[in-house]
PDB file of N, CA and C in Angstrom:
ATOM      1  N   MET A   1      -8.063  21.684  15.202  1.00  0.00           N
ATOM      2  CA  MET A   1      -8.768  20.599  15.832  1.00  0.00           C
ATOM      3  C   MET A   1      -9.779  21.170  16.807  1.00  0.00           C
ATOM      4  N   GLU A   2     -10.918  20.562  16.829  1.00  0.00           N
ATOM      5  CA  GLU A   2     -11.971  20.971  17.747  1.00  0.00           C
ATOM      6  C   GLU A   2     -12.307  19.782  18.610  1.00  0.00           C
ATOM      7  N   GLU A   3     -12.351  19.974  19.902  1.00  0.00           N
ATOM      8  CA  GLU A   3     -12.720  18.892  20.800  1.00  0.00           C
ATOM      9  C   GLU A   3     -14.123  19.119  21.295  1.00  0.00           C
ATOM     10  N   SER A   4     -14.837  18.013  21.458  1.00  0.00           N
ATOM     11  CA  SER A   4     -16.202  18.134  21.947  1.00  0.00           C
ATOM     12  C   SER A   4     -16.588  16.865  22.667  1.00  0.00           C
ATOM     13  N   GLY A   5     -17.148  16.991  23.839  1.00  0.00           N
ATOM     14  CA  GLY A   5     -17.602  15.828  24.575  1.00  0.00           C
ATOM     15  C   GLY A   5     -19.037  15.474  24.239  1.00  0.00           C
ATOM     16  N   GLY A   6     -19.766  16.352  23.538  1.00  0.00           N
ATOM     17  CA  GLY A   6     -21.176  16.127  23.289  1.00  0.00           C
ATOM     18  C   GLY A   6     -21.486  15.521  21.943  1.00  0.00           C
ATOM     19  N   ASN A   7     -20.533  15.415  21.064  1.00  0.00           N
ATOM     20  CA  ASN A   7     -20.782  14.867  19.734  1.00  0.00           C
ATOM     21  C   ASN A   7     -20.702  13.353  19.732  1.00  0.00           C
ATOM     22  N   ARG A   8     -21.198  12.785  18.679  1.00  0.00           N
ATOM     23  CA  ARG A   8     -21.058  11.377  18.334  1.00  0.00           C
ATOM     24  C   ARG A   8     -21.239  10.420  19.500  1.00  0.00           C
ATOM     25  N   ASN A   9     -22.426  10.361  20.030  1.00  0.00           N
ATOM     26  CA  ASN A   9     -22.797   9.338  21.003  1.00  0.00           C
ATOM     27  C   ASN A   9     -21.901   9.307  22.227  1.00  0.00           C
ATOM     28  N   SER A  10     -21.678  10.443  22.861  1.00  0.00           N
ATOM     29  CA  SER A  10     -20.783  10.481  24.011  1.00  0.00           C
ATOM     30  C   SER A  10     -21.253   9.567  25.136  1.00  0.00           C
ATOM     31  N   GLN A  11     -22.521   9.196  25.144  1.00  0.00           N
ATOM     32  CA  GLN A  11     -23.026   8.312  26.191  1.00  0.00           C
ATOM     33  C   GLN A  11     -22.728   6.840  25.901  1.00  0.00           C
ATOM     34  N   HIS A  12     -22.127   6.530  24.764  1.00  0.00           N
ATOM     35  CA  HIS A  12     -21.906   5.138  24.394  1.00  0.00           C
ATOM     36  C   HIS A  12     -20.436   4.710  24.455  1.00  0.00           C
ATOM     37  N   TYR A  13     -19.709   5.216  25.388  1.00  0.00           N
ATOM     38  CA  TYR A  13     -18.340   4.762  25.593  1.00  0.00           C
ATOM     39  C   TYR A  13     -18.383   3.436  26.338  1.00  0.00           C
ATOM     40  N   LEU A  14     -17.431   2.553  26.019  1.00  0.00           N
ATOM     41  CA  LEU A  14     -17.421   1.221  26.632  1.00  0.00           C
ATOM     42  C   LEU A  14     -16.781   1.202  28.008  1.00  0.00           C
ATOM     43  N   CYS A  15     -16.196   2.318  28.415  1.00  0.00           N
ATOM     44  CA  CYS A  15     -15.686   2.440  29.777  1.00  0.00           C
ATOM     45  C   CYS A  15     -15.701   3.916  30.150  1.00  0.00           C
ATOM     46  N   GLY A  16     -15.779   4.193  31.419  1.00  0.00           N
ATOM     47  CA  GLY A  16     -15.806   5.565  31.897  1.00  0.00           C
ATOM     48  C   GLY A  16     -14.412   6.083  32.181  1.00  0.00           C
ATOM     49  N   PRO A  17     -14.258   7.405  32.301  1.00  0.00           N
ATOM     50  CA  PRO A  17     -12.946   7.974  32.585  1.00  0.00           C
ATOM     51  C   PRO A  17     -12.352   7.486  33.902  1.00  0.00           C
ATOM     52  N   GLU A  18     -13.192   7.081  34.831  1.00  0.00           N
ATOM     53  CA  GLU A  18     -12.702   6.593  36.122  1.00  0.00           C
ATOM     54  C   GLU A  18     -11.966   5.263  35.998  1.00  0.00           C
ATOM     55  N   GLN A  19     -12.125   4.561  34.872  1.00  0.00           N
ATOM     56  CA  GLN A  19     -11.424   3.291  34.673  1.00  0.00           C
ATOM     57  C   GLN A  19      -9.976   3.484  34.240  1.00  0.00           C
ATOM     58  N   ASN A  20      -9.583   4.703  33.944  1.00  0.00           N
ATOM     59  CA  ASN A  20      -8.204   5.004  33.595  1.00  0.00           C
ATOM     60  C   ASN A  20      -7.401   5.157  34.896  1.00  0.00           C
ATOM     61  N   ILE A  21      -7.288   4.068  35.642  1.00  0.00           N
ATOM     62  CA  ILE A  21      -6.643   4.088  36.954  1.00  0.00           C
ATOM     63  C   ILE A  21      -5.147   4.366  36.868  1.00  0.00           C
ATOM     64  N   HIS A  22      -4.579   4.189  35.676  1.00  0.00           N
ATOM     65  CA  HIS A  22      -3.151   4.442  35.485  1.00  0.00           C
ATOM     66  C   HIS A  22      -2.884   5.901  35.118  1.00  0.00           C
ATOM     67  N   LYS A  23      -3.957   6.698  34.973  1.00  0.00           N
ATOM     68  CA  LYS A  23      -3.868   8.129  34.651  1.00  0.00           C
ATOM     69  C   LYS A  23      -3.107   8.369  33.346  1.00  0.00           C
ATOM     70  N   ILE A  24      -3.365   7.524  32.347  1.00  0.00           N
ATOM     71  CA  ILE A  24      -2.760   7.682  31.026  1.00  0.00           C
ATOM     72  C   ILE A  24      -3.312   8.958  30.410  1.00  0.00           C
ATOM     73  N   ASP A  25      -2.426   9.787  29.893  1.00  0.00           N
ATOM     74  CA  ASP A  25      -2.828  11.053  29.295  1.00  0.00           C
ATOM     75  C   ASP A  25      -2.024  11.249  28.020  1.00  0.00           C
ATOM     76  N   PHE A  26      -2.703  11.603  26.945  1.00  0.00           N
ATOM     77  CA  PHE A  26      -2.037  11.833  25.674  1.00  0.00           C
ATOM     78  C   PHE A  26      -1.672  13.307  25.583  1.00  0.00           C
ATOM     79  N   THR A  27      -0.393  13.575  25.402  1.00  0.00           N
ATOM     80  CA  THR A  27       0.070  14.955  25.402  1.00  0.00           C
ATOM     81  C   THR A  27       0.486  15.437  24.018  1.00  0.00           C
ATOM     82  N   ARG A  28       0.639  14.530  23.066  1.00  0.00           N
ATOM     83  CA  ARG A  28       1.070  14.917  21.721  1.00  0.00           C
ATOM     84  C   ARG A  28       0.584  13.885  20.719  1.00  0.00           C
ATOM     85  N   PHE A  29       0.164  14.381  19.551  1.00  0.00           N
ATOM     86  CA  PHE A  29      -0.295  13.502  18.487  1.00  0.00           C
ATOM     87  C   PHE A  29       0.196  14.074  17.165  1.00  0.00           C
ATOM     88  N   LYS A  30       0.777  13.211  16.318  1.00  0.00           N
ATOM     89  CA  LYS A  30       1.314  13.675  15.043  1.00  0.00           C
ATOM     90  C   LYS A  30       0.992  12.659  13.954  1.00  0.00           C
ATOM     91  N   ILE A  31       0.555  13.174  12.802  1.00  0.00           N
ATOM     92  CA  ILE A  31       0.380  12.359  11.599  1.00  0.00           C
ATOM     93  C   ILE A  31       1.433  12.828  10.610  1.00  0.00           C
ATOM     94  N   GLN A  32       2.202  11.852  10.110  1.00  0.00           N
ATOM     95  CA  GLN A  32       3.329  12.190   9.259  1.00  0.00           C
ATOM     96  C   GLN A  32       3.308  11.307   8.023  1.00  0.00           C
ATOM     97  N   ASP A  33       3.598  11.883   6.847  1.00  0.00           N
ATOM     98  CA  ASP A  33       3.692  11.114   5.612  1.00  0.00           C
ATOM     99  C   ASP A  33       4.950  10.256   5.669  1.00  0.00           C
ATOM    100  N   MET A  34       4.775   8.959   5.503  1.00  0.00           N
ATOM    101  CA  MET A  34       5.902   8.029   5.627  1.00  0.00           C
ATOM    102  C   MET A  34       6.905   8.180   4.480  1.00  0.00           C
ATOM    103  N   GLU A  35       6.435   8.565   3.307  1.00  0.00           N
ATOM    104  CA  GLU A  35       7.339   8.658   2.159  1.00  0.00           C
ATOM    105  C   GLU A  35       8.197   9.917   2.192  1.00  0.00           C
ATOM    106  N   THR A  36       7.620  11.043   2.605  1.00  0.00           N
ATOM    107  CA  THR A  36       8.346  12.315   2.550  1.00  0.00           C
ATOM    108  C   THR A  36       8.727  12.859   3.922  1.00  0.00           C
ATOM    109  N   SER A  37       8.235  12.239   4.984  1.00  0.00           N
ATOM    110  CA  SER A  37       8.426  12.698   6.367  1.00  0.00           C
ATOM    111  C   SER A  37       7.760  14.041   6.642  1.00  0.00           C
ATOM    112  N   THR A  38       6.865  14.474   5.749  1.00  0.00           N
ATOM    113  CA  THR A  38       6.129  15.721   5.946  1.00  0.00           C
ATOM    114  C   THR A  38       5.126  15.549   7.082  1.00  0.00           C
ATOM    115  N   VAL A  39       5.120  16.481   8.030  1.00  0.00           N
ATOM    116  CA  VAL A  39       4.148  16.459   9.117  1.00  0.00           C
ATOM    117  C   VAL A  39       2.841  17.016   8.573  1.00  0.00           C
ATOM    118  N   LEU A  40       1.786  16.191   8.606  1.00  0.00           N
ATOM    119  CA  LEU A  40       0.484  16.568   8.065  1.00  0.00           C
ATOM    120  C   LEU A  40      -0.425  17.160   9.128  1.00  0.00           C
ATOM    121  N   PHE A  41      -0.254  16.716  10.345  1.00  0.00           N
ATOM    122  CA  PHE A  41      -1.097  17.186  11.443  1.00  0.00           C
ATOM    123  C   PHE A  41      -0.337  16.937  12.730  1.00  0.00           C
ATOM    124  N   GLU A  42      -0.340  17.920  13.610  1.00  0.00           N
ATOM    125  CA  GLU A  42       0.302  17.744  14.909  1.00  0.00           C
ATOM    126  C   GLU A  42      -0.393  18.630  15.928  1.00  0.00           C
ATOM    127  N   ILE A  43      -0.613  18.072  17.095  1.00  0.00           N
ATOM    128  CA  ILE A  43      -1.209  18.846  18.182  1.00  0.00           C
ATOM    129  C   ILE A  43      -0.517  18.445  19.476  1.00  0.00           C
ATOM    130  N   THR A  44      -0.283  19.422  20.323  1.00  0.00           N
ATOM    131  CA  THR A  44       0.325  19.202  21.626  1.00  0.00           C
ATOM    132  C   THR A  44      -0.615  19.761  22.674  1.00  0.00           C
ATOM    133  N   LYS A  45      -0.853  18.990  23.699  1.00  0.00           N
ATOM    134  CA  LYS A  45      -1.735  19.419  24.780  1.00  0.00           C
ATOM    135  C   LYS A  45      -1.025  20.478  25.612  1.00  0.00           C
ATOM    136  N   PRO A  46      -1.678  21.635  25.804  1.00  0.00           N
ATOM    137  CA  PRO A  46      -1.034  22.675  26.622  1.00  0.00           C
ATOM    138  C   PRO A  46      -0.989  22.260  28.088  1.00  0.00           C
ATOM    139  N   PRO A  47      -0.027  22.779  28.840  1.00  0.00           N
ATOM    140  CA  PRO A  47       0.022  22.461  30.272  1.00  0.00           C
ATOM    141  C   PRO A  47      -1.232  22.996  30.956  1.00  0.00           C
ATOM    142  N   THR A  48      -1.705  22.270  31.950  1.00  0.00           N
ATOM    143  CA  THR A  48      -2.927  22.690  32.646  1.00  0.00           C
ATOM    144  C   THR A  48      -2.572  23.484  33.886  1.00  0.00           C
ATOM    145  N   THR A  49      -3.388  24.470  34.156  1.00  0.00           N
ATOM    146  CA  THR A  49      -3.302  25.257  35.393  1.00  0.00           C
ATOM    147  C   THR A  49      -4.688  25.197  36.002  1.00  0.00           C
ATOM    148  N   GLU A  50      -5.006  24.030  36.520  1.00  0.00           N
ATOM    149  CA  GLU A  50      -6.343  23.733  37.019  1.00  0.00           C
ATOM    150  C   GLU A  50      -6.555  24.316  38.408  1.00  0.00           C
ATOM    151  N   SER A  51      -7.663  25.016  38.604  1.00  0.00           N
ATOM    152  CA  SER A  51      -8.008  25.527  39.921  1.00  0.00           C
ATOM    153  C   SER A  51      -9.087  24.640  40.534  1.00  0.00           C
ATOM    154  N   VAL A  52      -9.391  24.853  41.791  1.00  0.00           N
ATOM    155  CA  VAL A  52     -10.440  24.097  42.476  1.00  0.00           C
ATOM    156  C   VAL A  52     -11.767  24.307  41.771  1.00  0.00           C
ATOM    157  N   GLU A  53     -12.042  25.529  41.348  1.00  0.00           N
ATOM    158  CA  GLU A  53     -13.297  25.833  40.658  1.00  0.00           C
ATOM    159  C   GLU A  53     -13.390  25.071  39.328  1.00  0.00           C
ATOM    160  N   ASP A  54     -12.260  24.961  38.587  1.00  0.00           N
ATOM    161  CA  ASP A  54     -12.250  24.209  37.332  1.00  0.00           C
ATOM    162  C   ASP A  54     -12.603  22.751  37.572  1.00  0.00           C
ATOM    163  N   ARG A  55     -12.074  22.167  38.634  1.00  0.00           N
ATOM    164  CA  ARG A  55     -12.339  20.747  38.921  1.00  0.00           C
ATOM    165  C   ARG A  55     -13.805  20.513  39.265  1.00  0.00           C
ATOM    166  N   GLU A  56     -14.461  21.490  39.875  1.00  0.00           N
ATOM    167  CA  GLU A  56     -15.868  21.340  40.237  1.00  0.00           C
ATOM    168  C   GLU A  56     -16.766  21.294  39.013  1.00  0.00           C
ATOM    169  N   HIS A  57     -16.375  21.972  37.931  1.00  0.00           N
ATOM    170  CA  HIS A  57     -17.181  22.039  36.716  1.00  0.00           C
ATOM    171  C   HIS A  57     -16.593  21.190  35.597  1.00  0.00           C
ATOM    172  N   PHE A  58     -15.734  20.265  35.926  1.00  0.00           N
ATOM    173  CA  PHE A  58     -15.039  19.442  34.947  1.00  0.00           C
ATOM    174  C   PHE A  58     -15.969  18.399  34.350  1.00  0.00           C
ATOM    175  N   ASP A  59     -16.004  18.310  33.018  1.00  0.00           N
ATOM    176  CA  ASP A  59     -16.765  17.281  32.310  1.00  0.00           C
ATOM    177  C   ASP A  59     -15.882  16.044  32.206  1.00  0.00           C
ATOM    178  N   PRO A  60     -16.273  14.910  32.809  1.00  0.00           N
ATOM    179  CA  PRO A  60     -15.422  13.719  32.781  1.00  0.00           C
ATOM    180  C   PRO A  60     -15.202  13.165  31.379  1.00  0.00           C
ATOM    181  N   ASN A  61     -16.066  13.521  30.421  1.00  0.00           N
ATOM    182  CA  ASN A  61     -15.890  13.053  29.040  1.00  0.00           C
ATOM    183  C   ASN A  61     -15.110  14.039  28.175  1.00  0.00           C
ATOM    184  N   ALA A  62     -14.717  15.175  28.724  1.00  0.00           N
ATOM    185  CA  ALA A  62     -13.947  16.156  27.951  1.00  0.00           C
ATOM    186  C   ALA A  62     -12.650  15.515  27.476  1.00  0.00           C
ATOM    187  N   GLY A  63     -12.322  15.731  26.230  1.00  0.00           N
ATOM    188  CA  GLY A  63     -11.092  15.181  25.677  1.00  0.00           C
ATOM    189  C   GLY A  63     -11.204  13.760  25.176  1.00  0.00           C
ATOM    190  N   ARG A  64     -12.364  13.136  25.313  1.00  0.00           N
ATOM    191  CA  ARG A  64     -12.530  11.754  24.833  1.00  0.00           C
ATOM    192  C   ARG A  64     -13.017  11.710  23.400  1.00  0.00           C
ATOM    193  N   PHE A  65     -13.394  12.863  22.854  1.00  0.00           N
ATOM    194  CA  PHE A  65     -13.844  12.941  21.471  1.00  0.00           C
ATOM    195  C   PHE A  65     -13.054  14.027  20.779  1.00  0.00           C
ATOM    196  N   VAL A  66     -12.522  13.715  19.596  1.00  0.00           N
ATOM    197  CA  VAL A  66     -11.724  14.669  18.839  1.00  0.00           C
ATOM    198  C   VAL A  66     -12.291  14.766  17.433  1.00  0.00           C
ATOM    199  N   ARG A  67     -12.345  15.975  16.913  1.00  0.00           N
ATOM    200  CA  ARG A  67     -12.788  16.200  15.539  1.00  0.00           C
ATOM    201  C   ARG A  67     -11.593  16.709  14.743  1.00  0.00           C
ATOM    202  N   TYR A  68     -11.229  15.988  13.681  1.00  0.00           N
ATOM    203  CA  TYR A  68     -10.115  16.346  12.828  1.00  0.00           C
ATOM    204  C   TYR A  68     -10.633  16.952  11.538  1.00  0.00           C
ATOM    205  N   GLN A  69      -9.970  18.006  11.076  1.00  0.00           N
ATOM    206  CA  GLN A  69     -10.280  18.612   9.788  1.00  0.00           C
ATOM    207  C   GLN A  69      -9.005  18.673   8.971  1.00  0.00           C
ATOM    208  N   PHE A  70      -9.024  18.037   7.802  1.00  0.00           N
ATOM    209  CA  PHE A  70      -7.900  18.053   6.890  1.00  0.00           C
ATOM    210  C   PHE A  70      -8.336  18.713   5.587  1.00  0.00           C
ATOM    211  N   THR A  71      -7.405  19.328   4.886  1.00  0.00           N
ATOM    212  CA  THR A  71      -7.720  19.921   3.593  1.00  0.00           C
ATOM    213  C   THR A  71      -7.576  18.849   2.508  1.00  0.00           C
ATOM    214  N   PRO A  72      -8.155  19.089   1.336  1.00  0.00           N
ATOM    215  CA  PRO A  72      -7.994  18.122   0.239  1.00  0.00           C
ATOM    216  C   PRO A  72      -6.527  17.864  -0.117  1.00  0.00           C
ATOM    217  N   ALA A  73      -5.636  18.802   0.169  1.00  0.00           N
ATOM    218  CA  ALA A  73      -4.210  18.599  -0.107  1.00  0.00           C
ATOM    219  C   ALA A  73      -3.664  17.380   0.637  1.00  0.00           C
ATOM    220  N   PHE A  74      -4.288  17.024   1.737  1.00  0.00           N
ATOM    221  CA  PHE A  74      -3.898  15.838   2.507  1.00  0.00           C
ATOM    222  C   PHE A  74      -3.890  14.597   1.619  1.00  0.00           C
ATOM    223  N   PHE A  75      -4.825  14.540   0.689  1.00  0.00           N
ATOM    224  CA  PHE A  75      -4.968  13.338  -0.137  1.00  0.00           C
ATOM    225  C   PHE A  75      -4.023  13.288  -1.315  1.00  0.00           C
ATOM    226  N   ARG A  76      -3.286  14.339  -1.542  1.00  0.00           N
ATOM    227  CA  ARG A  76      -2.239  14.263  -2.555  1.00  0.00           C
ATOM    228  C   ARG A  76      -1.102  13.382  -2.058  1.00  0.00           C
ATOM    229  N   LEU A  77      -1.057  13.165  -0.744  1.00  0.00           N
ATOM    230  CA  LEU A  77       0.000  12.353  -0.145  1.00  0.00           C
ATOM    231  C   LEU A  77      -0.475  10.949   0.211  1.00  0.00           C
ATOM    232  N   CYS A  78      -1.793  10.712   0.174  1.00  0.00           N
ATOM    233  CA  CYS A  78      -2.351   9.437   0.625  1.00  0.00           C
ATOM    234  C   CYS A  78      -3.344   8.898  -0.391  1.00  0.00           C
ATOM    235  N   GLN A  79      -3.570   7.584  -0.363  1.00  0.00           N
ATOM    236  CA  GLN A  79      -4.584   6.935  -1.181  1.00  0.00           C
ATOM    237  C   GLN A  79      -5.861   6.828  -0.363  1.00  0.00           C
ATOM    238  N   VAL A  80      -6.903   7.606  -0.699  1.00  0.00           N
ATOM    239  CA  VAL A  80      -8.165   7.584   0.037  1.00  0.00           C
ATOM    240  C   VAL A  80      -9.299   7.746  -0.954  1.00  0.00           C
ATOM    241  N   VAL A  81     -10.354   7.019  -0.736  1.00  0.00           N
ATOM    242  CA  VAL A  81     -11.513   7.086  -1.644  1.00  0.00           C
ATOM    243  C   VAL A  81     -12.188   8.437  -1.597  1.00  0.00           C
ATOM    244  N   LEU A  82     -12.830   8.885  -2.768  1.00  0.00           N
ATOM    245  CA  LEU A  82     -13.503  10.167  -2.927  1.00  0.00           C
ATOM    246  C   LEU A  82     -14.666  10.318  -1.958  1.00  0.00           C
ATOM    247  N   GLU A  83     -15.274   9.216  -1.553  1.00  0.00           N
ATOM    248  CA  GLU A  83     -16.432   9.268  -0.657  1.00  0.00           C
ATOM    249  C   GLU A  83     -16.105   9.955   0.668  1.00  0.00           C
ATOM    250  N   MET A  84     -14.876   9.801   1.146  1.00  0.00           N
ATOM    251  CA  MET A  84     -14.495  10.411   2.421  1.00  0.00           C
ATOM    252  C   MET A  84     -14.433  11.927   2.304  1.00  0.00           C
ATOM    253  N   ILE A  85     -14.092  12.437   1.140  1.00  0.00           N
ATOM    254  CA  ILE A  85     -14.053  13.878   0.925  1.00  0.00           C
ATOM    255  C   ILE A  85     -15.469  14.426   0.785  1.00  0.00           C
ATOM    256  N   LEU A  86     -16.315  13.687   0.090  1.00  0.00           N
ATOM    257  CA  LEU A  86     -17.674  14.151  -0.182  1.00  0.00           C
ATOM    258  C   LEU A  86     -18.601  14.092   1.030  1.00  0.00           C
ATOM    259  N   HIS A  87     -18.258  13.305   2.029  1.00  0.00           N
ATOM    260  CA  HIS A  87     -19.127  13.125   3.196  1.00  0.00           C
ATOM    261  C   HIS A  87     -18.358  13.405   4.488  1.00  0.00           C
ATOM    262  N   PRO A  88     -18.169  14.705   4.808  1.00  0.00           N
ATOM    263  CA  PRO A  88     -17.393  15.046   6.008  1.00  0.00           C
ATOM    264  C   PRO A  88     -18.005  14.473   7.277  1.00  0.00           C
ATOM    265  N   TYR A  89     -17.142  14.025   8.151  1.00  0.00           N
ATOM    266  CA  TYR A  89     -17.454  13.496   9.486  1.00  0.00           C
ATOM    267  C   TYR A  89     -18.206  12.178   9.471  1.00  0.00           C
ATOM    268  N   GLU A  90     -18.399  11.575   8.302  1.00  0.00           N
ATOM    269  CA  GLU A  90     -18.970  10.231   8.288  1.00  0.00           C
ATOM    270  C   GLU A  90     -17.898   9.181   8.511  1.00  0.00           C
ATOM    271  N   THR A  91     -16.638   9.533   8.293  1.00  0.00           N
ATOM    272  CA  THR A  91     -15.533   8.654   8.645  1.00  0.00           C
ATOM    273  C   THR A  91     -15.291   8.828  10.133  1.00  0.00           C
ATOM    274  N   GLN A  92     -15.386   7.745  10.877  1.00  0.00           N
ATOM    275  CA  GLN A  92     -15.269   7.803  12.331  1.00  0.00           C
ATOM    276  C   GLN A  92     -14.365   6.683  12.814  1.00  0.00           C
ATOM    277  N   SER A  93     -13.806   6.878  13.985  1.00  0.00           N
ATOM    278  CA  SER A  93     -12.967   5.832  14.560  1.00  0.00           C
ATOM    279  C   SER A  93     -13.158   5.769  16.064  1.00  0.00           C
ATOM    280  N   ASP A  94     -12.896   4.606  16.594  1.00  0.00           N
ATOM    281  CA  ASP A  94     -12.864   4.373  18.029  1.00  0.00           C
ATOM    282  C   ASP A  94     -11.483   3.830  18.349  1.00  0.00           C
ATOM    283  N   SER A  95     -10.896   4.318  19.431  1.00  0.00           N
ATOM    284  CA  SER A  95      -9.598   3.831  19.888  1.00  0.00           C
ATOM    285  C   SER A  95      -9.782   3.208  21.261  1.00  0.00           C
ATOM    286  N   PHE A  96      -9.214   2.016  21.420  1.00  0.00           N
ATOM    287  CA  PHE A  96      -9.335   1.278  22.674  1.00  0.00           C
ATOM    288  C   PHE A  96      -7.938   1.038  23.226  1.00  0.00           C
ATOM    289  N   TYR A  97      -7.751   1.319  24.498  1.00  0.00           N
ATOM    290  CA  TYR A  97      -6.457   1.169  25.152  1.00  0.00           C
ATOM    291  C   TYR A  97      -6.617   0.221  26.333  1.00  0.00           C
ATOM    292  N   PHE A  98      -5.754  -0.790  26.364  1.00  0.00           N
ATOM    293  CA  PHE A  98      -5.835  -1.838  27.375  1.00  0.00           C
ATOM    294  C   PHE A  98      -4.557  -1.860  28.212  1.00  0.00           C
ATOM    295  N   VAL A  99      -4.700  -2.176  29.482  1.00  0.00           N
ATOM    296  CA  VAL A  99      -3.577  -2.444  30.380  1.00  0.00           C
ATOM    297  C   VAL A  99      -3.889  -3.777  31.037  1.00  0.00           C
ATOM    298  N   ASP A 100      -2.972  -4.726  30.906  1.00  0.00           N
ATOM    299  CA  ASP A 100      -3.169  -6.076  31.453  1.00  0.00           C
ATOM    300  C   ASP A 100      -4.509  -6.669  31.022  1.00  0.00           C
ATOM    301  N   ASN A 101      -4.811  -6.545  29.728  1.00  0.00           N
ATOM    302  CA  ASN A 101      -6.039  -7.083  29.122  1.00  0.00           C
ATOM    303  C   ASN A 101      -7.325  -6.463  29.661  1.00  0.00           C
ATOM    304  N   LYS A 102      -7.239  -5.306  30.292  1.00  0.00           N
ATOM    305  CA  LYS A 102      -8.430  -4.617  30.793  1.00  0.00           C
ATOM    306  C   LYS A 102      -8.557  -3.274  30.075  1.00  0.00           C
ATOM    307  N   LEU A 103      -9.742  -3.000  29.531  1.00  0.00           N
ATOM    308  CA  LEU A 103     -10.004  -1.745  28.838  1.00  0.00           C
ATOM    309  C   LEU A 103      -9.958  -0.587  29.832  1.00  0.00           C
ATOM    310  N   VAL A 104      -9.077   0.386  29.568  1.00  0.00           N
ATOM    311  CA  VAL A 104      -8.953   1.522  30.480  1.00  0.00           C
ATOM    312  C   VAL A 104      -9.302   2.848  29.815  1.00  0.00           C
ATOM    313  N   ILE A 105      -9.240   2.923  28.483  1.00  0.00           N
ATOM    314  CA  ILE A 105      -9.585   4.150  27.769  1.00  0.00           C
ATOM    315  C   ILE A 105     -10.319   3.798  26.481  1.00  0.00           C
ATOM    316  N   HIS A 106     -11.392   4.520  26.208  1.00  0.00           N
ATOM    317  CA  HIS A 106     -12.122   4.423  24.940  1.00  0.00           C
ATOM    318  C   HIS A 106     -12.333   5.838  24.445  1.00  0.00           C
ATOM    319  N   ASN A 107     -11.686   6.183  23.332  1.00  0.00           N
ATOM    320  CA  ASN A 107     -11.821   7.511  22.726  1.00  0.00           C
ATOM    321  C   ASN A 107     -12.472   7.386  21.358  1.00  0.00           C
ATOM    322  N   LYS A 108     -13.082   8.483  20.893  1.00  0.00           N
ATOM    323  CA  LYS A 108     -13.745   8.515  19.598  1.00  0.00           C
ATOM    324  C   LYS A 108     -13.243   9.706  18.801  1.00  0.00           C
ATOM    325  N   ALA A 109     -13.344   9.605  17.480  1.00  0.00           N
ATOM    326  CA  ALA A 109     -12.973  10.718  16.606  1.00  0.00           C
ATOM    327  C   ALA A 109     -13.818  10.656  15.360  1.00  0.00           C
ATOM    328  N   ASP A 110     -14.002  11.800  14.714  1.00  0.00           N
ATOM    329  CA  ASP A 110     -14.549  11.806  13.361  1.00  0.00           C
ATOM    330  C   ASP A 110     -13.701  12.742  12.519  1.00  0.00           C
ATOM    331  N   TYR A 111     -13.806  12.598  11.189  1.00  0.00           N
ATOM    332  CA  TYR A 111     -12.850  13.223  10.289  1.00  0.00           C
ATOM    333  C   TYR A 111     -13.561  13.928   9.136  1.00  0.00           C
ATOM    334  N   SER A 112     -13.051  15.103   8.802  1.00  0.00           N
ATOM    335  CA  SER A 112     -13.493  15.831   7.617  1.00  0.00           C
ATOM    336  C   SER A 112     -12.279  16.037   6.748  1.00  0.00           C
ATOM    337  N   TYR A 113     -12.391  15.656   5.488  1.00  0.00           N
ATOM    338  CA  TYR A 113     -11.276  15.781   4.564  1.00  0.00           C
ATOM    339  C   TYR A 113     -11.506  16.876   3.533  1.00  0.00           C
ATOM    340  N   ASN A 114     -12.459  17.755   3.785  1.00  0.00           N
ATOM    341  CA  ASN A 114     -12.690  18.829   2.833  1.00  0.00           C
ATOM    342  C   ASN A 114     -12.350  20.192   3.424  1.00  0.00           C
ATOM    343  N   GLY A 115     -11.826  20.200   4.638  1.00  0.00           N
ATOM    344  CA  GLY A 115     -11.450  21.447   5.279  1.00  0.00           C
ATOM    345  C   GLY A 115     -12.622  22.247   5.801  1.00  0.00           C
ATOM    346  N   GLY A 116     -13.831  21.725   5.685  1.00  0.00           N
ATOM    347  CA  GLY A 116     -15.031  22.444   6.113  1.00  0.00           C
ATOM    348  C   GLY A 116     -15.390  22.179   7.557  1.00  0.00           C
ATOM    349  N   PRO A 117     -16.429  22.848   8.055  1.00  0.00           N
ATOM    350  CA  PRO A 117     -16.843  22.669   9.459  1.00  0.00           C
ATOM    351  C   PRO A 117     -17.473  21.320   9.727  1.00  0.00           C
TER     352      PRO A 117
END
């Protein structure tokens, strides 16, 4: 997985990181085949050892955009159209997280199903 804050319209988030007043942080993400229980993708956020200097140069949009790369073998387990394999990173998603009906997190992702860059 490659993370990037500069890809895919990073300036067009519907809320800023400062709106995450509850300090919600995602520490683990797993995609698993429901039929076989095979883990297809899993990532765990490493513990942070943030220094004062790191905080001064911190990009507030870091971690809000994720790029996923899957191999074609992924589709042996799932039903997905050929177009998604032929056009890497054109499949995109936005995730919206609400607390008490107020948007607090907006994340973006794009996907490649051919294992390429």
